[in-house]
Protein backbone atom coordinates (compact mmCIF):
# COMPACT_ATOMS: atom_id res chain seq x y z
CA UNK A 1 -19.43 -37.66 7.66
CA UNK A 2 -18.39 -34.89 10.30
CA UNK A 3 -18.67 -31.29 9.30
CA UNK A 4 -15.50 -29.53 10.67
CA UNK A 5 -15.57 -25.70 11.00
CA UNK A 6 -11.94 -23.62 11.45
CA UNK A 7 -11.72 -20.37 13.16
CA UNK A 8 -8.50 -18.77 12.51
CA UNK A 9 -6.86 -15.37 12.00
CA UNK A 10 -5.66 -14.20 8.60
CA UNK A 11 -1.92 -13.90 9.87
CA UNK A 12 -2.31 -17.44 9.62
CA UNK A 13 -3.95 -18.54 6.53
CA UNK A 14 -0.93 -20.33 5.18
CA UNK A 15 -0.84 -23.02 7.92
CA UNK A 16 -4.58 -22.81 7.96
CA UNK A 17 -4.97 -23.55 4.28
CA UNK A 18 -2.22 -26.39 4.81
CA UNK A 19 -4.25 -27.59 7.58
CA UNK A 20 -7.60 -27.56 5.67
CA UNK A 21 -5.91 -29.30 2.67
CA UNK A 22 -4.55 -32.53 4.85
CA UNK A 23 -7.98 -32.47 6.38
CA UNK A 24 -9.62 -32.83 3.28
CA UNK A 25 -7.09 -35.26 1.73
CA UNK A 26 -8.32 -37.74 4.55
CA UNK A 27 -11.88 -37.44 3.84
CA UNK A 28 -12.69 -34.81 6.75
CA UNK A 29 -15.47 -32.36 5.29
CA UNK A 30 -13.89 -29.03 6.48
CA UNK A 31 -15.02 -25.38 6.27
CA UNK A 32 -13.37 -22.18 6.50
CA UNK A 33 -13.89 -18.81 5.50
CA UNK A 34 -11.43 -17.48 2.70
CA UNK A 35 -13.57 -14.47 1.77
CA UNK A 36 -11.64 -11.15 1.77
CA UNK A 37 -14.50 -8.72 1.85
CA UNK A 38 -18.08 -8.60 2.71
CA UNK A 39 -20.42 -7.01 5.51
CA UNK A 40 -23.25 -8.44 7.72
CA UNK A 41 -24.40 -11.21 5.07
CA UNK A 42 -20.60 -12.62 5.17
CA UNK A 43 -20.86 -12.44 9.08
CA UNK A 44 -24.35 -14.43 8.43
CA UNK A 45 -22.82 -17.06 6.32
CA UNK A 46 -19.82 -17.46 9.02
CA UNK A 47 -22.63 -17.70 11.95
CA UNK A 48 -24.18 -20.42 9.54
CA UNK A 49 -21.53 -22.28 9.30
CA UNK A 50 -20.94 -22.64 12.63
CA UNK A 51 -24.46 -23.61 13.42
CA UNK A 52 -24.35 -26.49 10.66
CA UNK A 53 -20.80 -27.75 12.00
CA UNK A 54 -20.21 -31.14 14.52
CA UNK A 55 -16.56 -29.84 15.47
CA UNK A 56 -15.50 -26.10 16.04
CA UNK A 57 -11.54 -26.48 15.37
CA UNK A 58 -10.09 -23.22 16.97
CA UNK A 59 -6.58 -22.67 14.80
CA UNK A 60 -4.75 -21.33 18.20
CA UNK A 61 -2.26 -18.59 17.70
CA UNK A 62 -1.31 -14.78 19.25
CA UNK A 63 -3.37 -13.40 16.85
CA UNK A 64 -6.54 -15.36 16.78
CA UNK A 65 -6.06 -15.20 20.78
CA UNK A 66 -6.13 -11.87 20.54
CA UNK A 67 -8.57 -11.23 17.38
CA UNK A 68 -12.39 -9.97 18.17
CA UNK A 69 -13.58 -11.85 15.37
CA UNK A 70 -12.32 -15.09 16.61
CA UNK A 71 -13.21 -14.56 19.78
CA UNK A 72 -16.72 -13.95 18.73
CA UNK A 73 -16.84 -17.12 16.73
CA UNK A 74 -15.59 -19.06 19.17
CA UNK A 75 -18.26 -17.60 21.77
CA UNK A 76 -20.98 -18.59 19.34
CA UNK A 77 -19.92 -21.98 18.79
CA UNK A 78 -19.49 -22.34 22.98
CA UNK A 79 -23.11 -21.28 22.96
CA UNK A 80 -24.55 -23.59 20.44
CA UNK A 81 -22.34 -26.30 22.70
CA UNK A 82 -20.30 -27.57 19.69
CA UNK A 83 -17.26 -29.58 20.43
CA UNK A 84 -14.31 -26.99 20.76
CA UNK A 85 -11.04 -28.64 19.41
CA UNK A 86 -7.97 -26.17 20.09
CA UNK A 87 -5.35 -26.77 17.41
CA UNK A 88 -1.88 -25.09 17.73
CA UNK A 89 -0.78 -23.37 14.76
CA UNK A 90 1.85 -20.92 15.97
CA UNK A 91 4.48 -20.23 18.55
CA UNK A 92 4.14 -17.62 20.93
CA UNK A 93 1.33 -18.98 23.25
CA UNK A 94 1.65 -19.33 26.77
CA UNK A 95 -0.61 -22.11 27.69
CA UNK A 96 -0.40 -21.44 31.43
CA UNK A 97 -2.08 -18.11 30.57
CA UNK A 98 -4.83 -19.42 28.70
CA UNK A 99 -7.82 -18.78 30.00
CA UNK A 100 -11.64 -21.18 29.66
CA UNK A 101 -12.37 -22.84 27.68
CA UNK A 102 -9.18 -23.36 25.93
CA UNK A 103 -7.18 -24.02 29.32
CA UNK A 104 -9.90 -27.10 29.82
CA UNK A 105 -9.32 -28.69 26.70
CA UNK A 106 -6.68 -31.00 25.24
CA UNK A 107 -4.73 -28.50 22.43
CA UNK A 108 -3.45 -30.82 19.45
CA UNK A 109 -0.33 -29.22 18.39
CA UNK A 110 0.10 -28.85 14.12
CA UNK A 111 2.99 -26.46 14.11
CA UNK A 112 4.73 -29.00 11.85
CA UNK A 113 2.54 -29.42 9.39
CA UNK A 114 4.03 -33.20 8.83
CA UNK A 115 1.96 -36.09 8.62
CA UNK A 116 2.00 -36.82 12.49
CA UNK A 117 0.31 -33.52 13.22
CA UNK A 118 -2.10 -34.15 10.61
CA UNK A 119 -2.86 -37.25 11.69
CA UNK A 120 -3.24 -36.22 15.29
CA UNK A 121 -5.95 -33.89 14.34
CA UNK A 122 -7.76 -36.43 13.05
CA UNK A 123 -7.44 -38.81 15.85
CA UNK A 124 -8.59 -35.93 18.17
CA UNK A 125 -11.87 -34.90 15.20
CA UNK A 126 -12.55 -38.85 15.51
CA UNK A 127 -12.43 -38.92 19.12
CA UNK A 128 -14.85 -35.66 20.03
CA UNK A 129 -18.45 -35.91 21.39
CA UNK A 130 -21.22 -36.15 18.93
CA UNK A 131 -22.78 -32.24 18.42
CA UNK A 132 -25.93 -32.16 20.40
CA UNK A 133 -28.81 -30.91 18.58
CA UNK A 134 -29.29 -26.77 18.19
CA UNK A 135 -30.83 -25.49 21.10
CA UNK A 136 -34.49 -23.49 20.62
CA UNK A 137 -34.21 -20.88 20.40
CA UNK A 138 -30.71 -20.15 19.19
CA UNK A 139 -28.50 -17.98 21.33
CA UNK A 140 -28.45 -14.51 20.07
CA UNK A 141 -25.74 -13.94 17.04
CA UNK A 142 -22.97 -11.81 17.75
CA UNK A 143 -22.21 -8.41 15.62
CA UNK A 144 -20.29 -8.37 12.87
CA UNK A 145 -16.33 -7.92 14.31
CA UNK A 146 -15.53 -4.09 13.55
CA UNK A 147 -12.08 -5.36 13.00
CA UNK A 148 -12.47 -7.27 9.92
CA UNK A 149 -11.44 -5.76 6.56
CA UNK A 150 -14.95 -7.05 4.68
CA UNK A 151 -17.15 -4.55 7.38
CA UNK A 152 -13.99 -1.96 6.55
CA UNK A 153 -14.81 -1.87 2.91
CA UNK A 154 -18.62 -1.48 3.64
CA UNK A 155 -17.87 1.74 5.41
CA UNK A 156 -15.73 3.21 2.76
CA UNK A 157 -17.81 2.10 -0.08
CA UNK A 158 -21.03 3.95 1.69
CA UNK A 159 -22.48 6.08 -0.75
CA UNK A 160 -23.43 8.88 2.37
CA UNK A 161 -20.59 11.81 2.94
CA UNK A 162 -17.77 10.83 5.23
CA UNK A 163 -16.53 13.55 7.71
CA UNK A 164 -13.18 14.37 8.33
CA UNK A 165 -13.34 12.29 11.49
CA UNK A 166 -14.79 9.27 9.70
CA UNK A 167 -12.21 9.31 6.82
CA UNK A 168 -9.37 9.94 9.69
CA UNK A 169 -10.75 6.65 11.54
CA UNK A 170 -10.78 4.93 8.75
CA UNK A 171 -7.20 5.60 7.42
CA UNK A 172 -5.94 4.59 11.04
CA UNK A 173 -7.97 1.43 10.86
CA UNK A 174 -6.31 0.36 7.70
CA UNK A 175 -3.02 1.54 9.08
CA UNK A 176 -3.78 -0.67 12.33
CA UNK A 177 -4.65 -3.66 10.10
CA UNK A 178 -0.88 -3.10 8.12
CA UNK A 179 0.68 -3.32 11.71
CA UNK A 180 -1.06 -6.38 12.51
CA UNK A 181 0.39 -8.15 9.85
CA UNK A 182 -2.98 -7.96 7.55
CA UNK A 183 -2.49 -9.21 3.48
CA UNK A 184 -0.77 -5.96 2.00
CA UNK A 185 -2.71 -6.82 -1.55
CA UNK A 186 -5.96 -6.68 0.57
CA UNK A 187 -5.36 -3.39 2.85
CA UNK A 188 -3.64 -2.16 -0.66
CA UNK A 189 -7.42 -2.52 -2.16
CA UNK A 190 -9.23 -1.04 0.35
CA UNK A 191 -6.87 2.05 0.63
CA UNK A 192 -7.41 2.76 -2.87
CA UNK A 193 -11.22 2.56 -2.43
CA UNK A 194 -10.81 4.96 0.31
CA UNK A 195 -8.82 7.31 -2.08
CA UNK A 196 -11.33 7.12 -5.08
CA UNK A 197 -13.82 8.55 -2.68
CA UNK A 198 -15.01 12.24 -4.35
CA UNK A 199 -15.12 13.67 -0.70
CA UNK A 200 -11.77 12.97 0.63
CA UNK A 201 -9.81 15.49 2.00
CA UNK A 202 -6.67 16.21 0.59
CA UNK A 203 -4.63 15.53 4.15
CA UNK A 204 -5.89 12.17 4.34
CA UNK A 205 -5.53 11.74 0.54
CA UNK A 206 -1.72 12.40 1.13
CA UNK A 207 -1.67 9.70 3.98
CA UNK A 208 -2.89 7.34 1.78
CA UNK A 209 -0.34 8.23 -0.83
CA UNK A 210 2.32 7.38 1.45
CA UNK A 211 0.75 4.15 3.37
CA UNK A 212 0.22 2.98 -0.71
CA UNK A 213 4.00 3.55 -1.40
CA UNK A 214 5.30 1.71 1.83
CA UNK A 215 2.92 -1.12 1.02
CA UNK A 216 4.03 -1.40 -2.42
CA UNK A 217 7.29 -1.83 -0.92
CA UNK A 218 6.45 -4.21 1.11
CA UNK A 219 4.54 -6.44 -1.80
CA UNK A 220 7.67 -6.05 -3.67
CA UNK A 221 9.69 -7.36 -1.07
CA UNK A 222 11.74 -4.35 -0.34
CA UNK A 223 11.72 -2.68 3.39
CA UNK A 224 10.13 0.82 2.84
CA UNK A 225 12.60 3.98 4.27
CA UNK A 226 11.54 7.01 5.94
CA UNK A 227 11.68 9.67 4.16
CA UNK A 228 14.51 12.36 4.25
CA UNK A 229 13.73 15.36 5.91
CA UNK A 230 12.48 17.84 3.33
CA UNK A 231 15.28 20.45 2.28
CA UNK A 232 14.33 24.05 2.77
CA UNK A 233 12.84 25.63 -0.13
CA UNK A 234 12.72 29.53 -1.10
CA UNK A 235 9.33 31.12 -1.57
CA UNK A 236 9.41 34.14 -2.95
CA UNK A 237 6.75 36.89 -1.32
CA UNK A 238 3.31 36.36 -2.41
CA UNK A 239 3.21 40.08 -4.84
CA UNK A 240 6.07 38.45 -6.64
CA UNK A 241 4.35 35.12 -6.98
CA UNK A 242 1.05 36.47 -8.53
CA UNK A 243 2.81 38.31 -11.42
CA UNK A 244 4.99 35.53 -11.77
CA UNK A 245 4.73 34.89 -15.85
CA UNK A 246 6.71 30.85 -15.76
CA UNK A 247 4.28 28.46 -15.98
CA UNK A 248 6.54 25.56 -14.65
CA UNK A 249 6.70 24.95 -11.22
CA UNK A 250 10.02 24.28 -9.43
CA UNK A 251 11.44 21.07 -9.20
CA UNK A 252 9.22 19.20 -5.95
CA UNK A 253 7.60 22.13 -5.52
CA UNK A 254 3.89 22.76 -5.36
CA UNK A 255 2.88 24.84 -8.82
CA UNK A 256 0.32 26.95 -6.15
CA UNK A 257 2.36 27.75 -3.38
CA UNK A 258 5.87 26.57 -4.41
CA UNK A 259 6.22 25.06 -1.13
CA UNK A 260 8.06 21.55 -0.75
CA UNK A 261 6.07 18.37 -1.78
CA UNK A 262 6.99 15.06 -1.17
CA UNK A 263 7.74 12.66 -4.25
CA UNK A 264 4.60 11.05 -5.65
CA UNK A 265 2.20 12.96 -3.53
CA UNK A 266 -1.07 13.60 -4.60
CA UNK A 267 -1.66 16.88 -2.60
CA UNK A 268 0.25 19.57 -1.22
CA UNK A 269 0.47 19.20 2.33
CA UNK A 270 0.68 23.21 2.68
CA UNK A 271 -2.44 24.54 0.64
CA UNK A 272 -4.17 20.90 -0.26
CA UNK A 273 -3.69 21.94 -3.80
CA UNK A 274 -4.18 18.34 -6.44
CA UNK A 275 -0.76 17.27 -7.99
CA UNK A 276 -1.63 14.53 -9.90
CA UNK A 277 0.60 12.33 -7.96
CA UNK A 278 3.15 12.47 -10.19
CA UNK A 279 6.23 14.89 -9.67
CA UNK A 280 8.90 12.84 -10.75
CA UNK A 281 10.00 13.04 -14.84
CA UNK A 282 9.72 11.26 -17.43
CA UNK A 283 11.70 11.81 -20.93
CA UNK A 284 13.40 14.75 -19.52
CA UNK A 285 9.78 16.76 -18.81
CA UNK A 286 8.12 17.37 -15.61
CA UNK A 287 4.51 15.30 -15.48
CA UNK A 288 1.60 16.22 -13.58
CA UNK A 289 2.47 19.69 -13.57
CA UNK A 290 -0.99 20.94 -14.63
CA UNK A 291 -3.19 22.45 -11.53
CA UNK A 292 -6.51 21.03 -11.30
CA UNK A 293 -5.66 17.46 -13.35
CA UNK A 294 -5.72 14.17 -12.22
CA UNK A 295 -3.32 11.61 -12.85
CA UNK A 296 -2.65 7.46 -12.73
CA UNK A 297 0.26 5.79 -13.69
CA UNK A 298 0.08 2.38 -15.49
CA UNK A 299 2.33 -0.29 -16.51
CA UNK A 300 2.33 -0.69 -20.35
CA UNK A 301 5.12 -0.91 -22.82
CA UNK A 302 5.66 1.59 -25.40
CA UNK A 303 4.58 -1.10 -27.90
CA UNK A 304 0.97 -1.21 -26.56
CA UNK A 305 0.57 2.86 -26.27
CA UNK A 306 -1.35 3.49 -29.24
CA UNK A 307 -3.48 -0.21 -29.11
CA UNK A 308 -4.60 1.39 -25.65
CA UNK A 309 -5.04 4.59 -27.05
CA UNK A 310 -7.37 2.98 -30.02
CA UNK A 311 -9.54 1.03 -27.37
CA UNK A 312 -10.28 4.27 -25.32
CA UNK A 313 -11.38 6.00 -28.74
CA UNK A 314 -13.26 3.50 -29.39
CA UNK A 315 -15.17 2.86 -25.93
CA UNK A 316 -15.61 6.70 -25.86
CA UNK A 317 -17.35 7.01 -29.54
CA UNK A 318 -19.41 4.24 -27.97
CA UNK A 319 -20.33 6.20 -25.39
CA UNK A 320 -21.50 8.68 -27.93
CA UNK A 321 -18.51 11.07 -27.07
CA UNK A 322 -16.46 12.95 -30.18
CA UNK A 323 -12.86 12.89 -29.94
CA UNK A 324 -9.51 14.00 -31.39
CA UNK A 325 -6.17 13.28 -31.56
CA UNK A 326 -3.28 15.91 -31.53
CA UNK A 327 0.42 15.39 -30.32
CA UNK A 328 1.53 18.29 -27.56
CA UNK A 329 4.81 20.23 -27.22
CA UNK A 330 6.26 17.82 -24.71
CA UNK A 331 6.07 15.16 -26.96
CA UNK A 332 3.31 13.77 -25.42
CA UNK A 333 -0.35 12.62 -26.91
CA UNK A 334 -3.46 14.72 -26.51
CA UNK A 335 -7.13 13.40 -26.71
CA UNK A 336 -9.72 15.78 -26.30
CA UNK A 337 -13.52 14.47 -25.91
CA UNK A 338 -16.54 16.20 -25.74
CA UNK A 339 -20.45 15.21 -25.46
CA UNK A 340 -22.30 15.06 -28.64
CA UNK A 341 -24.75 17.52 -29.40
CA UNK A 342 -25.25 18.58 -25.72
CA UNK A 343 -22.76 21.17 -24.95
CA UNK A 344 -22.92 24.49 -26.26
CA UNK A 345 -19.87 26.13 -28.27
CA UNK A 346 -17.96 29.09 -26.97
CA UNK A 347 -16.80 31.48 -29.51
CA UNK A 348 -16.09 28.90 -31.82
CA UNK A 349 -14.79 26.01 -28.94
CA UNK A 350 -16.62 23.92 -26.49
CA UNK A 351 -15.91 22.85 -23.12
CA UNK A 352 -14.21 19.55 -23.22
CA UNK A 353 -12.31 16.55 -21.29
CA UNK A 354 -8.48 16.76 -22.33
CA UNK A 355 -6.82 13.30 -21.48
CA UNK A 356 -3.18 13.63 -21.93
CA UNK A 357 -0.79 10.11 -22.34
CA UNK A 358 2.88 10.49 -21.41
CA UNK A 359 4.58 7.60 -22.16
CA UNK A 360 8.38 6.00 -21.38
CA UNK A 361 9.95 3.19 -19.46
CA UNK A 362 7.08 0.78 -19.62
CA UNK A 363 4.83 3.27 -17.79
CA UNK A 364 2.22 4.97 -19.24
CA UNK A 365 0.56 7.90 -17.54
CA UNK A 366 -2.82 9.00 -17.71
CA UNK A 367 -3.53 12.68 -16.87
CA UNK A 368 -7.26 14.35 -17.30
CA UNK A 369 -8.16 17.77 -16.60
CA UNK A 370 -11.02 20.35 -17.95
CA UNK A 371 -10.13 22.42 -21.30
CA UNK A 372 -11.10 23.86 -24.64
CA UNK A 373 -12.38 22.03 -27.94
CA UNK A 374 -9.81 23.81 -30.38
CA UNK A 375 -10.04 23.29 -34.46
CA UNK A 376 -7.36 20.91 -34.92
CA UNK A 377 -6.98 21.90 -38.66
CA UNK A 378 -5.51 25.09 -36.91
CA UNK A 379 -2.65 23.69 -34.61
CA UNK A 380 -0.23 21.41 -35.19
CA UNK A 381 1.16 20.96 -31.60
CA UNK A 382 -0.62 22.16 -28.55
CA UNK A 383 0.82 23.56 -25.75
CA UNK A 384 -0.25 22.15 -22.63
CA UNK A 385 -0.53 25.49 -20.58
CA UNK A 386 -2.52 27.15 -23.40
CA UNK A 387 -4.89 24.72 -23.91
CA UNK A 388 -5.37 23.91 -20.26
CA UNK A 389 -7.03 27.03 -19.00
CA UNK A 390 -6.89 27.04 -14.83
CA UNK A 391 -9.92 29.36 -14.49
CA UNK A 392 -12.26 26.68 -15.98
CA UNK A 393 -13.42 25.10 -12.70
CA UNK A 394 -17.20 25.03 -14.02
CA UNK A 395 -16.35 23.15 -16.67
CA UNK A 396 -14.50 20.42 -14.86
CA UNK A 397 -17.08 20.02 -12.67
CA UNK A 398 -19.71 19.34 -15.24
CA UNK A 399 -17.31 16.28 -16.00
CA UNK A 400 -17.08 15.61 -12.50
CA UNK A 401 -20.65 15.13 -11.78
CA UNK A 402 -20.47 12.67 -14.67
CA UNK A 403 -17.75 10.44 -13.32
CA UNK A 404 -15.72 10.75 -16.47
CA UNK A 405 -12.42 11.21 -15.04
CA UNK A 406 -13.03 8.06 -12.82
CA UNK A 407 -14.77 5.97 -15.37
CA UNK A 408 -11.80 6.77 -18.04
CA UNK A 409 -9.16 5.78 -15.54
CA UNK A 410 -11.13 2.78 -14.65
CA UNK A 411 -11.43 1.82 -18.35
CA UNK A 412 -7.89 2.30 -18.84
CA UNK A 413 -7.36 0.00 -15.42
CA UNK A 414 -8.98 -2.55 -16.58
CA UNK A 415 -6.74 -3.35 -19.49
CA UNK A 416 -3.64 -1.93 -17.59
CA UNK A 417 -2.07 -2.74 -14.06
CA UNK A 418 -2.00 0.43 -11.97
CA UNK A 419 1.24 1.51 -10.56
């Protein structure tokens, strides 16, 4: 049985999947790549598929004709002297402007996706010449196309620190992938991977947050709206701010510099301070207003919150952490953790990691930051701003080195959907 390889643009995945299903239903051994991420090994598998095929189908569309990856696959197939079969899968191709080799080959039209179109492709496959034996030596394999999303993931996941230029370049390439019509879900996953890097710049993080909001609207079938220009914000003189005893920031203002911030921003555009990504209100209280904290928002009904917190406590206990749970002055729930027997006490209290759970409207907001372990018996309802000292940067740094905030977020995310 003849083996058929299909080269295509991911913009045409739906019609190509339909084509492959039709061919396989008619007994044609058809191979096409559906892997969403990868790198050199993934590209090697594609090239191996081309070497192993008897017929090379090029799913012709404006996107595939302009695709660096598809052109590389086609060039490699030609170098191996594979029979090339162009199959038209989308409108927009001007036949008289096609260059060699496709301009010299009869093109089969599959745009209608009906039985007639499927039988026309089958007839072209049966009429194609036999593939010759592989040349010896083989032609040099083309490099991994830099436009592939899998290559982007390899670059994002590198353990080497990324420079500001590299971070901005990765974001621009992901933005370009969005503009090219790549799968929003794929691009969203890669943006989240980049967003979780420890060395990410505040400005790049803000851009990623804006792109994620747009993708979430696109996935939900909504058209992203351009944000309205920020209203003017009256900023008091620096000497006044230094003596300001109010810990509650102005609505939509950075708690550090008091400059205007966009809703859902992770970082302040002006000073770069982390905002936790949550400037909206819930149950009448401002969430994510504790400087130096990190926040994530998950889909979770109020009935399931207690179970989730119980699972988190059980997991932390298995990881050799002591935990204690108490209410806060903002009708939220605080979970404090500390490592057993390894961190010294400071004046009767020990450095701890504070996890605050804010609930409401089928949403669970988890906020994590450094604090002090308190005697639960000595307090009833704790004040977040007393409990969460802003000066304990070294304590938070130690927890960051242990990767505990991200480990906790990932554990909760494995049970709930991230919003």
